[in-house]
Amino acid sequence: MARISASVSKRLGQLARKNKIKKSSLMKVYRRGLGAAVGSGTRPGMTPSSWASARVNSFIKIVKGRKRIKHDPILARMERKRRRKR
Protein backbone atom coordinates (compact mmCIF):
# COMPACT_ATOMS: atom_id res chain seq x y z
CA MET A 1 0.00 0.00 0.00
CA ALA A 2 1.32 3.41 -0.93
CA ARG A 3 2.14 5.81 1.87
CA ILE A 4 0.51 9.19 1.66
CA SER A 5 2.78 12.10 2.54
CA ALA A 6 1.96 14.46 5.39
CA SER A 7 1.36 17.37 3.01
CA VAL A 8 -1.13 15.36 0.93
CA SER A 9 -2.86 14.15 4.09
CA LYS A 10 -3.15 17.72 5.34
CA ARG A 11 -4.58 18.88 2.00
CA LEU A 12 -7.13 16.05 1.98
CA GLY A 13 -8.15 17.06 5.51
CA GLN A 14 -8.69 20.65 4.38
CA LEU A 15 -10.79 19.50 1.41
CA ALA A 16 -12.78 17.18 3.68
CA ARG A 17 -13.65 19.97 6.13
CA LYS A 18 -14.49 22.45 3.40
CA ASN A 19 -16.78 20.05 1.52
CA LYS A 20 -18.19 18.16 4.54
CA ILE A 21 -16.84 14.80 3.41
CA LYS A 22 -15.03 12.26 5.57
CA LYS A 23 -11.27 12.49 5.30
CA SER A 24 -11.09 8.69 5.28
CA SER A 25 -13.23 8.59 2.13
CA LEU A 26 -10.94 11.06 0.38
CA MET A 27 -7.91 9.02 1.46
CA LYS A 28 -9.47 5.89 -0.07
CA VAL A 29 -10.21 7.72 -3.31
CA TYR A 30 -6.65 9.09 -3.41
CA ARG A 31 -5.16 5.62 -2.91
CA ARG A 32 -7.43 4.20 -5.60
CA GLY A 33 -6.30 6.98 -7.91
CA LEU A 34 -2.67 6.09 -7.32
CA GLY A 35 -3.44 2.46 -8.12
CA ALA A 36 -5.42 3.33 -11.23
CA ALA A 37 -2.61 5.52 -12.53
CA VAL A 38 -0.11 2.70 -12.18
CA GLY A 39 -2.46 -0.08 -13.31
CA SER A 40 -4.14 1.44 -16.33
CA GLY A 41 -1.74 4.24 -17.21
CA THR A 42 -2.24 7.96 -17.51
CA ARG A 43 -1.89 10.68 -20.08
CA PRO A 44 1.69 11.51 -21.01
CA GLY A 45 3.30 13.84 -18.48
CA MET A 46 0.89 13.08 -15.60
CA THR A 47 2.31 11.70 -12.39
CA PRO A 48 0.38 9.17 -10.31
CA SER A 49 -0.09 11.79 -7.57
CA SER A 50 -1.59 14.32 -9.99
CA TRP A 51 -3.89 11.59 -11.35
CA ALA A 52 -4.98 10.74 -7.79
CA SER A 53 -5.57 14.43 -6.96
CA ALA A 54 -7.73 14.83 -10.05
CA ARG A 55 -9.73 11.78 -9.01
CA VAL A 56 -10.29 13.32 -5.55
CA ASN A 57 -11.50 16.58 -7.12
CA SER A 58 -13.83 14.65 -9.40
CA PHE A 59 -15.14 12.66 -6.41
CA ILE A 60 -15.97 15.88 -4.56
CA LYS A 61 -18.06 17.05 -7.54
CA ILE A 62 -19.80 13.66 -7.63
CA VAL A 63 -20.68 13.84 -3.93
CA LYS A 64 -22.04 17.37 -4.34
CA GLY A 65 -24.26 16.14 -7.18
CA ARG A 66 -22.60 18.27 -9.86
CA LYS A 67 -21.30 15.26 -11.77
CA ARG A 68 -22.64 11.78 -12.44
CA ILE A 69 -21.09 8.82 -10.67
CA LYS A 70 -18.26 7.39 -12.78
CA HIS A 71 -15.90 5.88 -10.21
CA ASP A 72 -16.04 4.85 -6.55
CA PRO A 73 -19.85 4.46 -6.63
CA ILE A 74 -20.21 2.87 -3.19
CA LEU A 75 -18.18 5.61 -1.49
CA ALA A 76 -20.00 8.32 -3.45
CA ARG A 77 -23.46 7.05 -2.52
CA MET A 78 -22.42 6.68 1.12
CA GLU A 79 -21.12 10.27 1.25
CA ARG A 80 -24.19 11.65 -0.56
CA LYS A 81 -26.44 9.92 1.97
CA ARG A 82 -24.32 11.20 4.86
CA ARG A 83 -24.47 14.78 3.58
CA ARG A 84 -28.28 14.62 3.21
CA LYS A 85 -28.69 13.61 6.86
CA ARG A 86 -26.97 16.80 8.07
PDB file of N, CA and C in Angstrom:
ATOM      1  N   MET A   1       0.851  -1.179   0.000  1.00  0.00           N
ATOM      2  CA  MET A   1       0.000   0.000   0.000  1.00  0.00           C
ATOM      3  C   MET A   1       0.893   1.237   0.000  1.00  0.00           C
ATOM      4  N   ALA A   2       0.532   2.180  -0.806  1.00  0.00           N
ATOM      5  CA  ALA A   2       1.318   3.411  -0.934  1.00  0.00           C
ATOM      6  C   ALA A   2       1.125   4.304   0.292  1.00  0.00           C
ATOM      7  N   ARG A   3       2.217   4.876   0.748  1.00  0.00           N
ATOM      8  CA  ARG A   3       2.143   5.809   1.870  1.00  0.00           C
ATOM      9  C   ARG A   3       1.785   7.182   1.339  1.00  0.00           C
ATOM     10  N   ILE A   4       0.908   7.846   2.044  1.00  0.00           N
ATOM     11  CA  ILE A   4       0.505   9.189   1.656  1.00  0.00           C
ATOM     12  C   ILE A   4       1.312  10.175   2.493  1.00  0.00           C
ATOM     13  N   SER A   5       1.929  11.140   1.838  1.00  0.00           N
ATOM     14  CA  SER A   5       2.782  12.100   2.540  1.00  0.00           C
ATOM     15  C   SER A   5       1.952  12.980   3.474  1.00  0.00           C
ATOM     16  N   ALA A   6       2.625  13.593   4.405  1.00  0.00           N
ATOM     17  CA  ALA A   6       1.957  14.456   5.388  1.00  0.00           C
ATOM     18  C   ALA A   6       1.290  15.653   4.708  1.00  0.00           C
ATOM     19  N   SER A   7       1.935  16.202   3.688  1.00  0.00           N
ATOM     20  CA  SER A   7       1.357  17.372   3.010  1.00  0.00           C
ATOM     21  C   SER A   7       0.083  16.998   2.256  1.00  0.00           C
ATOM     22  N   VAL A   8       0.070  15.812   1.641  1.00  0.00           N
ATOM     23  CA  VAL A   8      -1.134  15.361   0.930  1.00  0.00           C
ATOM     24  C   VAL A   8      -2.245  15.071   1.937  1.00  0.00           C
ATOM     25  N   SER A   9      -1.880  14.445   3.052  1.00  0.00           N
ATOM     26  CA  SER A   9      -2.863  14.147   4.094  1.00  0.00           C
ATOM     27  C   SER A   9      -3.481  15.433   4.648  1.00  0.00           C
ATOM     28  N   LYS A  10      -2.660  16.437   4.843  1.00  0.00           N
ATOM     29  CA  LYS A  10      -3.149  17.722   5.342  1.00  0.00           C
ATOM     30  C   LYS A  10      -4.104  18.352   4.334  1.00  0.00           C
ATOM     31  N   ARG A  11      -3.735  18.308   3.055  1.00  0.00           N
ATOM     32  CA  ARG A  11      -4.576  18.880   2.000  1.00  0.00           C
ATOM     33  C   ARG A  11      -5.909  18.140   1.897  1.00  0.00           C
ATOM     34  N   LEU A  12      -5.882  16.820   2.019  1.00  0.00           N
ATOM     35  CA  LEU A  12      -7.128  16.049   1.979  1.00  0.00           C
ATOM     36  C   LEU A  12      -8.011  16.395   3.184  1.00  0.00           C
ATOM     37  N   GLY A  13      -7.392  16.650   4.323  1.00  0.00           N
ATOM     38  CA  GLY A  13      -8.148  17.063   5.508  1.00  0.00           C
ATOM     39  C   GLY A  13      -8.824  18.405   5.302  1.00  0.00           C
ATOM     40  N   GLN A  14      -8.107  19.335   4.666  1.00  0.00           N
ATOM     41  CA  GLN A  14      -8.694  20.648   4.378  1.00  0.00           C
ATOM     42  C   GLN A  14      -9.866  20.518   3.418  1.00  0.00           C
ATOM     43  N   LEU A  15      -9.701  19.701   2.376  1.00  0.00           N
ATOM     44  CA  LEU A  15     -10.786  19.496   1.413  1.00  0.00           C
ATOM     45  C   LEU A  15     -11.987  18.826   2.085  1.00  0.00           C
ATOM     46  N   ALA A  16     -11.710  17.888   2.981  1.00  0.00           N
ATOM     47  CA  ALA A  16     -12.784  17.183   3.676  1.00  0.00           C
ATOM     48  C   ALA A  16     -13.610  18.147   4.532  1.00  0.00           C
ATOM     49  N   ARG A  17     -12.932  18.995   5.293  1.00  0.00           N
ATOM     50  CA  ARG A  17     -13.651  19.965   6.131  1.00  0.00           C
ATOM     51  C   ARG A  17     -14.453  20.942   5.288  1.00  0.00           C
ATOM     52  N   LYS A  18     -13.837  21.456   4.244  1.00  0.00           N
ATOM     53  CA  LYS A  18     -14.487  22.453   3.401  1.00  0.00           C
ATOM     54  C   LYS A  18     -15.739  21.900   2.723  1.00  0.00           C
ATOM     55  N   ASN A  19     -15.680  20.631   2.282  1.00  0.00           N
ATOM     56  CA  ASN A  19     -16.778  20.051   1.516  1.00  0.00           C
ATOM     57  C   ASN A  19     -17.661  19.103   2.313  1.00  0.00           C
ATOM     58  N   LYS A  20     -17.395  18.995   3.631  1.00  0.00           N
ATOM     59  CA  LYS A  20     -18.190  18.160   4.541  1.00  0.00           C
ATOM     60  C   LYS A  20     -18.223  16.702   4.082  1.00  0.00           C
ATOM     61  N   ILE A  21     -17.027  16.191   3.803  1.00  0.00           N
ATOM     62  CA  ILE A  21     -16.842  14.799   3.409  1.00  0.00           C
ATOM     63  C   ILE A  21     -15.843  14.203   4.385  1.00  0.00           C
ATOM     64  N   LYS A  22     -15.978  12.903   4.668  1.00  0.00           N
ATOM     65  CA  LYS A  22     -15.030  12.263   5.571  1.00  0.00           C
ATOM     66  C   LYS A  22     -13.639  12.238   4.945  1.00  0.00           C
ATOM     67  N   LYS A  23     -12.658  12.529   5.769  1.00  0.00           N
ATOM     68  CA  LYS A  23     -11.269  12.486   5.298  1.00  0.00           C
ATOM     69  C   LYS A  23     -10.901  11.067   4.882  1.00  0.00           C
ATOM     70  N   SER A  24     -11.412  10.081   5.607  1.00  0.00           N
ATOM     71  CA  SER A  24     -11.086   8.691   5.284  1.00  0.00           C
ATOM     72  C   SER A  24     -11.582   8.317   3.886  1.00  0.00           C
ATOM     73  N   SER A  25     -12.718   8.864   3.478  1.00  0.00           N
ATOM     74  CA  SER A  25     -13.231   8.594   2.131  1.00  0.00           C
ATOM     75  C   SER A  25     -12.303   9.202   1.079  1.00  0.00           C
ATOM     76  N   LEU A  26     -11.852  10.427   1.334  1.00  0.00           N
ATOM     77  CA  LEU A  26     -10.943  11.060   0.380  1.00  0.00           C
ATOM     78  C   LEU A  26      -9.608  10.321   0.320  1.00  0.00           C
ATOM     79  N   MET A  27      -9.152   9.793   1.453  1.00  0.00           N
ATOM     80  CA  MET A  27      -7.907   9.018   1.465  1.00  0.00           C
ATOM     81  C   MET A  27      -8.069   7.755   0.615  1.00  0.00           C
ATOM     82  N   LYS A  28      -9.223   7.090   0.729  1.00  0.00           N
ATOM     83  CA  LYS A  28      -9.473   5.885  -0.066  1.00  0.00           C
ATOM     84  C   LYS A  28      -9.478   6.222  -1.556  1.00  0.00           C
ATOM     85  N   VAL A  29     -10.150   7.312  -1.905  1.00  0.00           N
ATOM     86  CA  VAL A  29     -10.210   7.720  -3.312  1.00  0.00           C
ATOM     87  C   VAL A  29      -8.817   8.060  -3.822  1.00  0.00           C
ATOM     88  N   TYR A  30      -8.015   8.727  -3.013  1.00  0.00           N
ATOM     89  CA  TYR A  30      -6.651   9.085  -3.413  1.00  0.00           C
ATOM     90  C   TYR A  30      -5.824   7.827  -3.660  1.00  0.00           C
ATOM     91  N   ARG A  31      -5.912   6.869  -2.741  1.00  0.00           N
ATOM     92  CA  ARG A  31      -5.163   5.623  -2.909  1.00  0.00           C
ATOM     93  C   ARG A  31      -5.616   4.873  -4.158  1.00  0.00           C
ATOM     94  N   ARG A  32      -6.914   4.857  -4.399  1.00  0.00           N
ATOM     95  CA  ARG A  32      -7.433   4.197  -5.599  1.00  0.00           C
ATOM     96  C   ARG A  32      -6.944   4.908  -6.856  1.00  0.00           C
ATOM     97  N   GLY A  33      -6.822   6.210  -6.785  1.00  0.00           N
ATOM     98  CA  GLY A  33      -6.302   6.980  -7.911  1.00  0.00           C
ATOM     99  C   GLY A  33      -4.854   6.654  -8.198  1.00  0.00           C
ATOM    100  N   LEU A  34      -4.070   6.482  -7.131  1.00  0.00           N
ATOM    101  CA  LEU A  34      -2.670   6.086  -7.316  1.00  0.00           C
ATOM    102  C   LEU A  34      -2.591   4.724  -7.992  1.00  0.00           C
ATOM    103  N   GLY A  35      -3.436   3.801  -7.540  1.00  0.00           N
ATOM    104  CA  GLY A  35      -3.443   2.462  -8.123  1.00  0.00           C
ATOM    105  C   GLY A  35      -3.905   2.464  -9.561  1.00  0.00           C
ATOM    106  N   ALA A  36      -4.907   3.263  -9.863  1.00  0.00           N
ATOM    107  CA  ALA A  36      -5.423   3.335 -11.233  1.00  0.00           C
ATOM    108  C   ALA A  36      -4.386   3.931 -12.175  1.00  0.00           C
ATOM    109  N   ALA A  37      -3.634   4.892 -11.691  1.00  0.00           N
ATOM    110  CA  ALA A  37      -2.608   5.520 -12.529  1.00  0.00           C
ATOM    111  C   ALA A  37      -1.525   4.514 -12.893  1.00  0.00           C
ATOM    112  N   VAL A  38      -1.154   3.689 -11.935  1.00  0.00           N
ATOM    113  CA  VAL A  38      -0.112   2.698 -12.184  1.00  0.00           C
ATOM    114  C   VAL A  38      -0.664   1.530 -13.007  1.00  0.00           C
ATOM    115  N   GLY A  39      -1.874   1.103 -12.664  1.00  0.00           N
ATOM    116  CA  GLY A  39      -2.458  -0.075 -13.305  1.00  0.00           C
ATOM    117  C   GLY A  39      -2.903   0.138 -14.735  1.00  0.00           C
ATOM    118  N   SER A  40      -3.580   1.238 -14.992  1.00  0.00           N
ATOM    119  CA  SER A  40      -4.142   1.437 -16.328  1.00  0.00           C
ATOM    120  C   SER A  40      -3.402   2.492 -17.133  1.00  0.00           C
ATOM    121  N   GLY A  41      -2.485   3.207 -16.500  1.00  0.00           N
ATOM    122  CA  GLY A  41      -1.738   4.235 -17.209  1.00  0.00           C
ATOM    123  C   GLY A  41      -2.444   5.572 -17.179  1.00  0.00           C
ATOM    124  N   THR A  42      -1.704   6.607 -17.526  1.00  0.00           N
ATOM    125  CA  THR A  42      -2.241   7.963 -17.513  1.00  0.00           C
ATOM    126  C   THR A  42      -1.870   8.654 -18.814  1.00  0.00           C
ATOM    127  N   ARG A  43      -2.313   9.868 -18.934  1.00  0.00           N
ATOM    128  CA  ARG A  43      -1.890  10.679 -20.080  1.00  0.00           C
ATOM    129  C   ARG A  43      -0.402  10.975 -19.967  1.00  0.00           C
ATOM    130  N   PRO A  44       0.262  11.195 -21.086  1.00  0.00           N
ATOM    131  CA  PRO A  44       1.695  11.515 -21.008  1.00  0.00           C
ATOM    132  C   PRO A  44       1.941  12.769 -20.170  1.00  0.00           C
ATOM    133  N   GLY A  45       2.918  12.686 -19.297  1.00  0.00           N
ATOM    134  CA  GLY A  45       3.295  13.836 -18.480  1.00  0.00           C
ATOM    135  C   GLY A  45       2.593  13.912 -17.140  1.00  0.00           C
ATOM    136  N   MET A  46       1.592  13.066 -16.893  1.00  0.00           N
ATOM    137  CA  MET A  46       0.893  13.084 -15.603  1.00  0.00           C
ATOM    138  C   MET A  46       1.559  12.112 -14.642  1.00  0.00           C
ATOM    139  N   THR A  47       1.766  12.568 -13.431  1.00  0.00           N
ATOM    140  CA  THR A  47       2.314  11.698 -12.394  1.00  0.00           C
ATOM    141  C   THR A  47       1.163  10.974 -11.700  1.00  0.00           C
ATOM    142  N   PRO A  48       1.438   9.851 -11.048  1.00  0.00           N
ATOM    143  CA  PRO A  48       0.377   9.166 -10.308  1.00  0.00           C
ATOM    144  C   PRO A  48      -0.283  10.051  -9.250  1.00  0.00           C
ATOM    145  N   SER A  49       0.496  10.928  -8.607  1.00  0.00           N
ATOM    146  CA  SER A  49      -0.088  11.789  -7.571  1.00  0.00           C
ATOM    147  C   SER A  49      -1.020  12.833  -8.184  1.00  0.00           C
ATOM    148  N   SER A  50      -0.689  13.352  -9.360  1.00  0.00           N
ATOM    149  CA  SER A  50      -1.588  14.320  -9.994  1.00  0.00           C
ATOM    150  C   SER A  50      -2.856  13.623 -10.479  1.00  0.00           C
ATOM    151  N   TRP A  51      -2.722  12.365 -10.926  1.00  0.00           N
ATOM    152  CA  TRP A  51      -3.892  11.587 -11.346  1.00  0.00           C
ATOM    153  C   TRP A  51      -4.808  11.347 -10.138  1.00  0.00           C
ATOM    154  N   ALA A  52      -4.208  10.997  -8.997  1.00  0.00           N
ATOM    155  CA  ALA A  52      -4.978  10.744  -7.785  1.00  0.00           C
ATOM    156  C   ALA A  52      -5.660  12.022  -7.293  1.00  0.00           C
ATOM    157  N   SER A  53      -4.978  13.149  -7.377  1.00  0.00           N
ATOM    158  CA  SER A  53      -5.573  14.427  -6.962  1.00  0.00           C
ATOM    159  C   SER A  53      -6.754  14.794  -7.849  1.00  0.00           C
ATOM    160  N   ALA A  54      -6.626  14.550  -9.134  1.00  0.00           N
ATOM    161  CA  ALA A  54      -7.729  14.826 -10.052  1.00  0.00           C
ATOM    162  C   ALA A  54      -8.925  13.930  -9.737  1.00  0.00           C
ATOM    163  N   ARG A  55      -8.655  12.701  -9.369  1.00  0.00           N
ATOM    164  CA  ARG A  55      -9.732  11.783  -9.007  1.00  0.00           C
ATOM    165  C   ARG A  55     -10.444  12.251  -7.744  1.00  0.00           C
ATOM    166  N   VAL A  56      -9.695  12.779  -6.780  1.00  0.00           N
ATOM    167  CA  VAL A  56     -10.291  13.316  -5.552  1.00  0.00           C
ATOM    168  C   VAL A  56     -11.186  14.508  -5.885  1.00  0.00           C
ATOM    169  N   ASN A  57     -10.694  15.413  -6.738  1.00  0.00           N
ATOM    170  CA  ASN A  57     -11.496  16.583  -7.116  1.00  0.00           C
ATOM    171  C   ASN A  57     -12.766  16.165  -7.848  1.00  0.00           C
ATOM    172  N   SER A  58     -12.669  15.166  -8.695  1.00  0.00           N
ATOM    173  CA  SER A  58     -13.832  14.646  -9.397  1.00  0.00           C
ATOM    174  C   SER A  58     -14.818  14.025  -8.408  1.00  0.00           C
ATOM    175  N   PHE A  59     -14.298  13.292  -7.426  1.00  0.00           N
ATOM    176  CA  PHE A  59     -15.139  12.663  -6.409  1.00  0.00           C
ATOM    177  C   PHE A  59     -15.920  13.706  -5.612  1.00  0.00           C
ATOM    178  N   ILE A  60     -15.285  14.820  -5.304  1.00  0.00           N
ATOM    179  CA  ILE A  60     -15.971  15.884  -4.565  1.00  0.00           C
ATOM    180  C   ILE A  60     -17.151  16.404  -5.376  1.00  0.00           C
ATOM    181  N   LYS A  61     -16.963  16.603  -6.679  1.00  0.00           N
ATOM    182  CA  LYS A  61     -18.058  17.050  -7.537  1.00  0.00           C
ATOM    183  C   LYS A  61     -19.171  16.008  -7.590  1.00  0.00           C
ATOM    184  N   ILE A  62     -18.810  14.736  -7.616  1.00  0.00           N
ATOM    185  CA  ILE A  62     -19.801  13.665  -7.633  1.00  0.00           C
ATOM    186  C   ILE A  62     -20.638  13.699  -6.358  1.00  0.00           C
ATOM    187  N   VAL A  63     -19.980  13.830  -5.216  1.00  0.00           N
ATOM    188  CA  VAL A  63     -20.684  13.842  -3.932  1.00  0.00           C
ATOM    189  C   VAL A  63     -21.621  15.037  -3.844  1.00  0.00           C
ATOM    190  N   LYS A  64     -21.202  16.175  -4.373  1.00  0.00           N
ATOM    191  CA  LYS A  64     -22.041  17.371  -4.337  1.00  0.00           C
ATOM    192  C   LYS A  64     -23.194  17.288  -5.324  1.00  0.00           C
ATOM    193  N   GLY A  65     -23.180  16.301  -6.214  1.00  0.00           N
ATOM    194  CA  GLY A  65     -24.262  16.141  -7.177  1.00  0.00           C
ATOM    195  C   GLY A  65     -24.064  16.935  -8.450  1.00  0.00           C
ATOM    196  N   ARG A  66     -22.867  17.466  -8.665  1.00  0.00           N
ATOM    197  CA  ARG A  66     -22.598  18.271  -9.860  1.00  0.00           C
ATOM    198  C   ARG A  66     -22.045  17.435 -11.003  1.00  0.00           C
ATOM    199  N   LYS A  67     -21.869  16.138 -10.761  1.00  0.00           N
ATOM    200  CA  LYS A  67     -21.299  15.260 -11.772  1.00  0.00           C
ATOM    201  C   LYS A  67     -21.878  13.867 -11.544  1.00  0.00           C
ATOM    202  N   ARG A  68     -22.089  13.124 -12.634  1.00  0.00           N
ATOM    203  CA  ARG A  68     -22.641  11.783 -12.439  1.00  0.00           C
ATOM    204  C   ARG A  68     -21.563  10.840 -11.910  1.00  0.00           C
ATOM    205  N   ILE A  69     -22.006   9.764 -11.286  1.00  0.00           N
ATOM    206  CA  ILE A  69     -21.086   8.816 -10.674  1.00  0.00           C
ATOM    207  C   ILE A  69     -20.389   8.004 -11.760  1.00  0.00           C
ATOM    208  N   LYS A  70     -19.054   8.132 -11.811  1.00  0.00           N
ATOM    209  CA  LYS A  70     -18.262   7.388 -12.779  1.00  0.00           C
ATOM    210  C   LYS A  70     -17.334   6.392 -12.085  1.00  0.00           C
ATOM    211  N   HIS A  71     -16.818   6.750 -10.950  1.00  0.00           N
ATOM    212  CA  HIS A  71     -15.903   5.879 -10.214  1.00  0.00           C
ATOM    213  C   HIS A  71     -16.225   5.956  -8.734  1.00  0.00           C
ATOM    214  N   ASP A  72     -15.808   4.943  -7.998  1.00  0.00           N
ATOM    215  CA  ASP A  72     -16.041   4.845  -6.555  1.00  0.00           C
ATOM    216  C   ASP A  72     -17.527   5.018  -6.204  1.00  0.00           C
ATOM    217  N   PRO A  73     -18.413   4.245  -6.843  1.00  0.00           N
ATOM    218  CA  PRO A  73     -19.852   4.459  -6.627  1.00  0.00           C
ATOM    219  C   PRO A  73     -20.326   4.191  -5.209  1.00  0.00           C
ATOM    220  N   ILE A  74     -19.762   3.189  -4.546  1.00  0.00           N
ATOM    221  CA  ILE A  74     -20.206   2.873  -3.188  1.00  0.00           C
ATOM    222  C   ILE A  74     -19.836   4.005  -2.236  1.00  0.00           C
ATOM    223  N   LEU A  75     -18.605   4.492  -2.337  1.00  0.00           N
ATOM    224  CA  LEU A  75     -18.184   5.611  -1.493  1.00  0.00           C
ATOM    225  C   LEU A  75     -18.999   6.869  -1.800  1.00  0.00           C
ATOM    226  N   ALA A  76     -19.254   7.122  -3.067  1.00  0.00           N
ATOM    227  CA  ALA A  76     -19.996   8.323  -3.453  1.00  0.00           C
ATOM    228  C   ALA A  76     -21.420   8.285  -2.905  1.00  0.00           C
ATOM    229  N   ARG A  77     -22.082   7.155  -3.032  1.00  0.00           N
ATOM    230  CA  ARG A  77     -23.458   7.051  -2.519  1.00  0.00           C
ATOM    231  C   ARG A  77     -23.490   7.177  -0.997  1.00  0.00           C
ATOM    232  N   MET A  78     -22.497   6.587  -0.341  1.00  0.00           N
ATOM    233  CA  MET A  78     -22.421   6.678   1.119  1.00  0.00           C
ATOM    234  C   MET A  78     -22.244   8.137   1.557  1.00  0.00           C
ATOM    235  N   GLU A  79     -21.364   8.865   0.891  1.00  0.00           N
ATOM    236  CA  GLU A  79     -21.120  10.268   1.254  1.00  0.00           C
ATOM    237  C   GLU A  79     -22.327  11.148   0.911  1.00  0.00           C
ATOM    238  N   ARG A  80     -22.982  10.884  -0.213  1.00  0.00           N
ATOM    239  CA  ARG A  80     -24.192  11.653  -0.560  1.00  0.00           C
ATOM    240  C   ARG A  80     -25.255  11.459   0.516  1.00  0.00           C
ATOM    241  N   LYS A  81     -25.436  10.224   0.943  1.00  0.00           N
ATOM    242  CA  LYS A  81     -26.436   9.915   1.968  1.00  0.00           C
ATOM    243  C   LYS A  81     -26.071  10.604   3.285  1.00  0.00           C
ATOM    244  N   ARG A  82     -24.794  10.555   3.644  1.00  0.00           N
ATOM    245  CA  ARG A  82     -24.317  11.196   4.862  1.00  0.00           C
ATOM    246  C   ARG A  82     -24.539  12.700   4.846  1.00  0.00           C
ATOM    247  N   ARG A  83     -24.282  13.331   3.695  1.00  0.00           N
ATOM    248  CA  ARG A  83     -24.469  14.777   3.580  1.00  0.00           C
ATOM    249  C   ARG A  83     -25.945  15.172   3.670  1.00  0.00           C
ATOM    250  N   ARG A  84     -26.832  14.317   3.155  1.00  0.00           N
ATOM    251  CA  ARG A  84     -28.275  14.616   3.209  1.00  0.00           C
ATOM    252  C   ARG A  84     -28.798  14.598   4.643  1.00  0.00           C
ATOM    253  N   LYS A  85     -28.224  13.742   5.477  1.00  0.00           N
ATOM    254  CA  LYS A  85     -28.687  13.612   6.862  1.00  0.00           C
ATOM    255  C   LYS A  85     -28.376  14.849   7.693  1.00  0.00           C
ATOM    256  N   ARG A  86     -27.377  15.618   7.293  1.00  0.00           N
ATOM    257  CA  ARG A  86     -26.968  16.799   8.070  1.00  0.00           C
ATOM    258  C   ARG A  86     -27.994  17.864   8.058  1.00  0.00           C
TER     259      ARG A  86
END
